[in-house]
PDB file of N, CA and C in Angstrom:
ATOM      1  N   MET A   1       0.120   8.716   8.095  1.00  0.00           N
ATOM      2  CA  MET A   1       1.436   8.145   8.328  1.00  0.00           C
ATOM      3  C   MET A   1       2.240   8.056   7.038  1.00  0.00           C
ATOM      4  N   VAL A   2       1.538   7.985   5.896  1.00  0.00           N
ATOM      5  CA  VAL A   2       2.240   7.917   4.611  1.00  0.00           C
ATOM      6  C   VAL A   2       3.145   9.123   4.445  1.00  0.00           C
ATOM      7  N   SER A   3       2.625  10.314   4.729  1.00  0.00           N
ATOM      8  CA  SER A   3       3.441  11.518   4.557  1.00  0.00           C
ATOM      9  C   SER A   3       4.625  11.536   5.516  1.00  0.00           C
ATOM     10  N   VAL A   4       4.456  11.018   6.716  1.00  0.00           N
ATOM     11  CA  VAL A   4       5.558  10.960   7.681  1.00  0.00           C
ATOM     12  C   VAL A   4       6.665  10.053   7.158  1.00  0.00           C
ATOM     13  N   ILE A   5       6.280   8.901   6.647  1.00  0.00           N
ATOM     14  CA  ILE A   5       7.268   7.961   6.101  1.00  0.00           C
ATOM     15  C   ILE A   5       7.991   8.592   4.924  1.00  0.00           C
ATOM     16  N   LEU A   6       7.243   9.176   3.997  1.00  0.00           N
ATOM     17  CA  LEU A   6       7.862   9.772   2.815  1.00  0.00           C
ATOM     18  C   LEU A   6       8.739  10.964   3.174  1.00  0.00           C
ATOM     19  N   ASP A   7       8.306  11.769   4.139  1.00  0.00           N
ATOM     20  CA  ASP A   7       9.132  12.900   4.586  1.00  0.00           C
ATOM     21  C   ASP A   7      10.447  12.408   5.175  1.00  0.00           C
ATOM     22  N   ASN A   8      10.391  11.350   5.951  1.00  0.00           N
ATOM     23  CA  ASN A   8      11.613  10.794   6.537  1.00  0.00           C
ATOM     24  C   ASN A   8      12.537  10.240   5.466  1.00  0.00           C
ATOM     25  N   LEU A   9      11.977   9.552   4.492  1.00  0.00           N
ATOM     26  CA  LEU A   9      12.797   9.032   3.393  1.00  0.00           C
ATOM     27  C   LEU A   9      13.411  10.172   2.596  1.00  0.00           C
ATOM     28  N   ALA A  10      12.619  11.211   2.337  1.00  0.00           N
ATOM     29  CA  ALA A  10      13.116  12.364   1.585  1.00  0.00           C
ATOM     30  C   ALA A  10      14.220  13.092   2.343  1.00  0.00           C
ATOM     31  N   ALA A  11      14.162  13.033   3.659  1.00  0.00           N
ATOM     32  CA  ALA A  11      15.191  13.667   4.487  1.00  0.00           C
ATOM     33  C   ALA A  11      16.460  12.830   4.559  1.00  0.00           C
ATOM     34  N   GLY A  12      16.422  11.648   3.955  1.00  0.00           N
ATOM     35  CA  GLY A  12      17.620  10.817   3.904  1.00  0.00           C
ATOM     36  C   GLY A  12      17.725   9.764   4.987  1.00  0.00           C
ATOM     37  N   LEU A  13      16.674   9.597   5.782  1.00  0.00           N
ATOM     38  CA  LEU A  13      16.721   8.566   6.814  1.00  0.00           C
ATOM     39  C   LEU A  13      16.647   7.183   6.177  1.00  0.00           C
ATOM     40  N   SER A  14      17.358   6.256   6.763  1.00  0.00           N
ATOM     41  CA  SER A  14      17.305   4.875   6.303  1.00  0.00           C
ATOM     42  C   SER A  14      16.061   4.206   6.868  1.00  0.00           C
ATOM     43  N   HIS A  15      15.724   3.067   6.308  1.00  0.00           N
ATOM     44  CA  HIS A  15      14.584   2.309   6.833  1.00  0.00           C
ATOM     45  C   HIS A  15      14.825   1.989   8.307  1.00  0.00           C
ATOM     46  N   LYS A  16      16.051   1.617   8.628  1.00  0.00           N
ATOM     47  CA  LYS A  16      16.385   1.276  10.013  1.00  0.00           C
ATOM     48  C   LYS A  16      16.127   2.457  10.942  1.00  0.00           C
ATOM     49  N   GLU A  17      16.521   3.650  10.525  1.00  0.00           N
ATOM     50  CA  GLU A  17      16.308   4.839  11.356  1.00  0.00           C
ATOM     51  C   GLU A  17      14.823   5.135  11.543  1.00  0.00           C
ATOM     52  N   ILE A  18      14.048   4.927  10.487  1.00  0.00           N
ATOM     53  CA  ILE A  18      12.601   5.147  10.581  1.00  0.00           C
ATOM     54  C   ILE A  18      11.989   4.138  11.543  1.00  0.00           C
ATOM     55  N   PHE A  19      12.411   2.885  11.449  1.00  0.00           N
ATOM     56  CA  PHE A  19      11.888   1.855  12.365  1.00  0.00           C
ATOM     57  C   PHE A  19      12.259   2.167  13.811  1.00  0.00           C
ATOM     58  N   GLU A  20      13.434   2.734  14.024  1.00  0.00           N
ATOM     59  CA  GLU A  20      13.835   3.095  15.386  1.00  0.00           C
ATOM     60  C   GLU A  20      12.962   4.229  15.928  1.00  0.00           C
ATOM     61  N   SER A  21      12.582   5.166  15.053  1.00  0.00           N
ATOM     62  CA  SER A  21      11.730   6.280  15.479  1.00  0.00           C
ATOM     63  C   SER A  21      10.266   5.878  15.626  1.00  0.00           C
ATOM     64  N   TYR A  22       9.849   4.922  14.818  1.00  0.00           N
ATOM     65  CA  TYR A  22       8.452   4.469  14.815  1.00  0.00           C
ATOM     66  C   TYR A  22       8.435   2.943  14.902  1.00  0.00           C
ATOM     67  N   PRO A  23       8.645   2.409  16.101  1.00  0.00           N
ATOM     68  CA  PRO A  23       8.788   0.954  16.261  1.00  0.00           C
ATOM     69  C   PRO A  23       7.557   0.133  15.867  1.00  0.00           C
ATOM     70  N   SER A  24       6.409   0.760  15.764  1.00  0.00           N
ATOM     71  CA  SER A  24       5.214  -0.005  15.375  1.00  0.00           C
ATOM     72  C   SER A  24       5.156  -0.251  13.865  1.00  0.00           C
ATOM     73  N   LEU A  25       6.001   0.447  13.103  1.00  0.00           N
ATOM     74  CA  LEU A  25       6.008   0.247  11.648  1.00  0.00           C
ATOM     75  C   LEU A  25       6.635  -1.086  11.279  1.00  0.00           C
ATOM     76  N   LYS A  26       6.196  -1.599  10.160  1.00  0.00           N
ATOM     77  CA  LYS A  26       6.743  -2.835   9.597  1.00  0.00           C
ATOM     78  C   LYS A  26       7.279  -2.515   8.206  1.00  0.00           C
ATOM     79  N   PRO A  27       8.169  -3.347   7.679  1.00  0.00           N
ATOM     80  CA  PRO A  27       8.714  -3.090   6.343  1.00  0.00           C
ATOM     81  C   PRO A  27       7.627  -2.875   5.288  1.00  0.00           C
ATOM     82  N   GLU A  28       6.537  -3.618   5.387  1.00  0.00           N
ATOM     83  CA  GLU A  28       5.481  -3.466   4.390  1.00  0.00           C
ATOM     84  C   GLU A  28       4.802  -2.095   4.475  1.00  0.00           C
ATOM     85  N   ASP A  29       4.878  -1.437   5.639  1.00  0.00           N
ATOM     86  CA  ASP A  29       4.320  -0.092   5.769  1.00  0.00           C
ATOM     87  C   ASP A  29       5.097   0.903   4.909  1.00  0.00           C
ATOM     88  N   ILE A  30       6.417   0.776   4.924  1.00  0.00           N
ATOM     89  CA  ILE A  30       7.244   1.662   4.098  1.00  0.00           C
ATOM     90  C   ILE A  30       7.008   1.374   2.624  1.00  0.00           C
ATOM     91  N   HIS A  31       6.952   0.105   2.266  1.00  0.00           N
ATOM     92  CA  HIS A  31       6.707  -0.256   0.864  1.00  0.00           C
ATOM     93  C   HIS A  31       5.340   0.249   0.403  1.00  0.00           C
ATOM     94  N   ALA A  32       4.346   0.156   1.270  1.00  0.00           N
ATOM     95  CA  ALA A  32       3.003   0.621   0.916  1.00  0.00           C
ATOM     96  C   ALA A  32       2.977   2.142   0.747  1.00  0.00           C
ATOM     97  N   ALA A  33       3.701   2.857   1.594  1.00  0.00           N
ATOM     98  CA  ALA A  33       3.750   4.320   1.484  1.00  0.00           C
ATOM     99  C   ALA A  33       4.379   4.742   0.165  1.00  0.00           C
ATOM    100  N   ILE A  34       5.451   4.061  -0.204  1.00  0.00           N
ATOM    101  CA  ILE A  34       6.108   4.370  -1.480  1.00  0.00           C
ATOM    102  C   ILE A  34       5.185   4.029  -2.642  1.00  0.00           C
ATOM    103  N   ALA A  35       4.552   2.886  -2.582  1.00  0.00           N
ATOM    104  CA  ALA A  35       3.649   2.467  -3.657  1.00  0.00           C
ATOM    105  C   ALA A  35       2.470   3.426  -3.781  1.00  0.00           C
ATOM    106  N   ASP A  36       1.974   3.912  -2.646  1.00  0.00           N
ATOM    107  CA  ASP A  36       0.840   4.836  -2.654  1.00  0.00           C
ATOM    108  C   ASP A  36       1.156   6.092  -3.453  1.00  0.00           C
ATOM    109  N   LYS A  37       2.365   6.571  -3.352  1.00  0.00           N
ATOM    110  CA  LYS A  37       2.736   7.809  -4.038  1.00  0.00           C
ATOM    111  C   LYS A  37       3.223   7.591  -5.460  1.00  0.00           C
ATOM    112  N   THR A  38       3.459   6.356  -5.843  1.00  0.00           N
ATOM    113  CA  THR A  38       3.924   6.100  -7.210  1.00  0.00           C
ATOM    114  C   THR A  38       2.789   5.673  -8.129  1.00  0.00           C
ATOM    115  N   LEU A  39       1.616   5.410  -7.549  1.00  0.00           N
ATOM    116  CA  LEU A  39       0.483   5.028  -8.377  1.00  0.00           C
ATOM    117  C   LEU A  39      -0.109   6.265  -9.046  1.00  0.00           C
ATOM    118  N   PRO A  40      -0.597   6.129 -10.261  1.00  0.00           N
ATOM    119  CA  PRO A  40      -1.203   7.287 -10.918  1.00  0.00           C
ATOM    120  C   PRO A  40      -2.468   7.742 -10.172  1.00  0.00           C
ATOM    121  N   THR A  41      -2.735   9.023 -10.272  1.00  0.00           N
ATOM    122  CA  THR A  41      -3.929   9.569  -9.628  1.00  0.00           C
ATOM    123  C   THR A  41      -4.941   9.967 -10.683  1.00  0.00           C
ATOM    124  N   ASN A  42      -6.120  10.264 -10.245  1.00  0.00           N
ATOM    125  CA  ASN A  42      -7.157  10.734 -11.149  1.00  0.00           C
ATOM    126  C   ASN A  42      -7.173  12.256 -11.248  1.00  0.00           C
ATOM    127  N   GLU A  43      -6.224  12.895 -10.588  1.00  0.00           N
ATOM    128  CA  GLU A  43      -6.182  14.350 -10.610  1.00  0.00           C
ATOM    129  C   GLU A  43      -5.676  14.822 -11.974  1.00  0.00           C
ATOM    130  N   PRO A  44      -6.306  15.869 -12.504  1.00  0.00           N
ATOM    131  CA  PRO A  44      -5.855  16.381 -13.800  1.00  0.00           C
ATOM    132  C   PRO A  44      -4.478  17.022 -13.682  1.00  0.00           C
ATOM    133  N   ARG A  45      -3.700  16.907 -14.732  1.00  0.00           N
ATOM    134  CA  ARG A  45      -2.388  17.555 -14.770  1.00  0.00           C
ATOM    135  C   ARG A  45      -2.552  18.998 -15.228  1.00  0.00           C
ATOM    136  N   ILE A  46      -1.760  19.857 -14.677  1.00  0.00           N
ATOM    137  CA  ILE A  46      -1.797  21.264 -15.052  1.00  0.00           C
ATOM    138  C   ILE A  46      -0.644  21.520 -16.009  1.00  0.00           C
ATOM    139  N   ALA A  47      -0.973  22.003 -17.194  1.00  0.00           N
ATOM    140  CA  ALA A  47       0.067  22.302 -18.181  1.00  0.00           C
ATOM    141  C   ALA A  47       0.822  23.553 -17.771  1.00  0.00           C
ATOM    142  N   ARG A  48       2.097  23.528 -18.021  1.00  0.00           N
ATOM    143  CA  ARG A  48       2.929  24.698 -17.677  1.00  0.00           C
ATOM    144  C   ARG A  48       3.281  25.459 -18.903  1.00  0.00           C
TER     145      ARG A  48
END
């Protein structure tokens, strides 16, 4: 569900629009999805 939330946000949908499409979501679900993707990972970075 994290990717669905982030895809909707990236597409420009407002929180209200996301809640209308997914009524089982709560505000903390959106905040958690954003936080999940902003936390550092243990994956190595690839130099360009």
